[in-house]
Amino acid sequence: MGKQNIVLLLDTSGSMSNEARTMKKTMMTVVSKMQEGDTVSLITYSSEDHTIFQGLTINKHSIETIIE
């Protein structure tokens, strides 16, 4: 399989506040299955969208950034 480019879009509106733990766990599961060289972007939305990171290449250092 070729390199993956994953975009995580998370609903951070008030109605999802009870789901924060589940969202974080799901995000970590997806990222943990990615291979070195894959890319990932994280965008959150509520009343506006915010790009947290875009096109972050997976390596041992980027995993630490994502966890933070």
Protein backbone atom coordinates (compact mmCIF):
# COMPACT_ATOMS: atom_id res chain seq x y z
CA MET A 1 0.00 0.00 0.00
CA GLY A 2 1.22 3.51 -0.85
CA LYS A 3 1.61 6.42 1.52
CA GLN A 4 -1.56 7.67 3.16
CA ASN A 5 -2.78 11.25 3.52
CA ILE A 6 -5.32 11.32 6.36
CA VAL A 7 -7.45 14.34 7.31
CA LEU A 8 -9.05 14.22 10.75
CA LEU A 9 -12.05 16.53 11.08
CA LEU A 10 -13.27 16.87 14.65
CA ASP A 11 -16.52 18.46 15.79
CA THR A 12 -15.62 20.51 18.85
CA SER A 13 -18.99 22.17 19.30
CA GLY A 14 -20.66 22.22 22.69
CA SER A 15 -22.90 19.29 21.82
CA MET A 16 -19.79 17.10 21.47
CA SER A 17 -18.17 18.06 24.79
CA ASN A 18 -19.15 14.73 26.37
CA GLU A 19 -17.41 12.90 23.51
CA ALA A 20 -13.97 14.53 23.87
CA ARG A 21 -12.36 11.45 25.41
CA THR A 22 -13.78 9.18 22.70
CA MET A 23 -12.63 11.56 19.94
CA LYS A 24 -9.09 11.70 21.36
CA LYS A 25 -8.93 7.91 21.69
CA THR A 26 -10.18 7.44 18.13
CA MET A 27 -7.68 9.97 16.79
CA MET A 28 -4.81 8.24 18.59
CA THR A 29 -5.92 4.86 17.20
CA VAL A 30 -5.89 6.19 13.64
CA VAL A 31 -2.50 7.88 14.05
CA SER A 32 -0.95 4.82 15.72
CA LYS A 33 -1.75 2.77 12.60
CA MET A 34 -0.05 5.20 10.26
CA GLN A 35 3.39 4.46 8.84
CA GLU A 36 6.45 6.67 8.67
CA GLY A 37 6.10 8.96 5.67
CA ASP A 38 2.28 9.11 5.81
CA THR A 39 0.78 12.56 6.32
CA VAL A 40 -1.98 13.71 8.62
CA SER A 41 -3.93 16.94 9.05
CA LEU A 42 -6.16 17.93 11.97
CA ILE A 43 -9.02 20.35 11.53
CA THR A 44 -11.53 21.19 14.23
CA TYR A 45 -14.86 22.91 13.77
CA SER A 46 -17.54 24.42 15.88
CA SER A 47 -18.89 27.77 14.74
CA GLU A 48 -15.64 28.15 12.76
CA ASP A 49 -13.03 25.75 11.48
CA HIS A 50 -9.43 25.77 12.74
CA THR A 51 -6.50 23.99 11.15
CA ILE A 52 -4.41 22.60 14.03
CA PHE A 53 -1.79 21.10 11.72
CA GLN A 54 -1.75 20.39 8.03
CA GLY A 55 0.25 17.82 6.10
CA LEU A 56 2.29 16.69 9.10
CA THR A 57 4.57 13.86 7.99
CA ILE A 58 4.52 10.90 10.36
CA ASN A 59 7.78 10.10 12.15
CA LYS A 60 8.69 9.51 15.78
CA HIS A 61 8.82 13.26 16.50
CA SER A 62 5.53 14.10 14.84
CA ILE A 63 3.72 11.47 16.94
CA GLU A 64 4.80 13.43 20.05
CA THR A 65 3.43 16.65 18.49
CA ILE A 66 0.09 14.99 17.77
CA ILE A 67 -0.20 13.63 21.30
CA GLU A 68 0.38 17.11 22.75
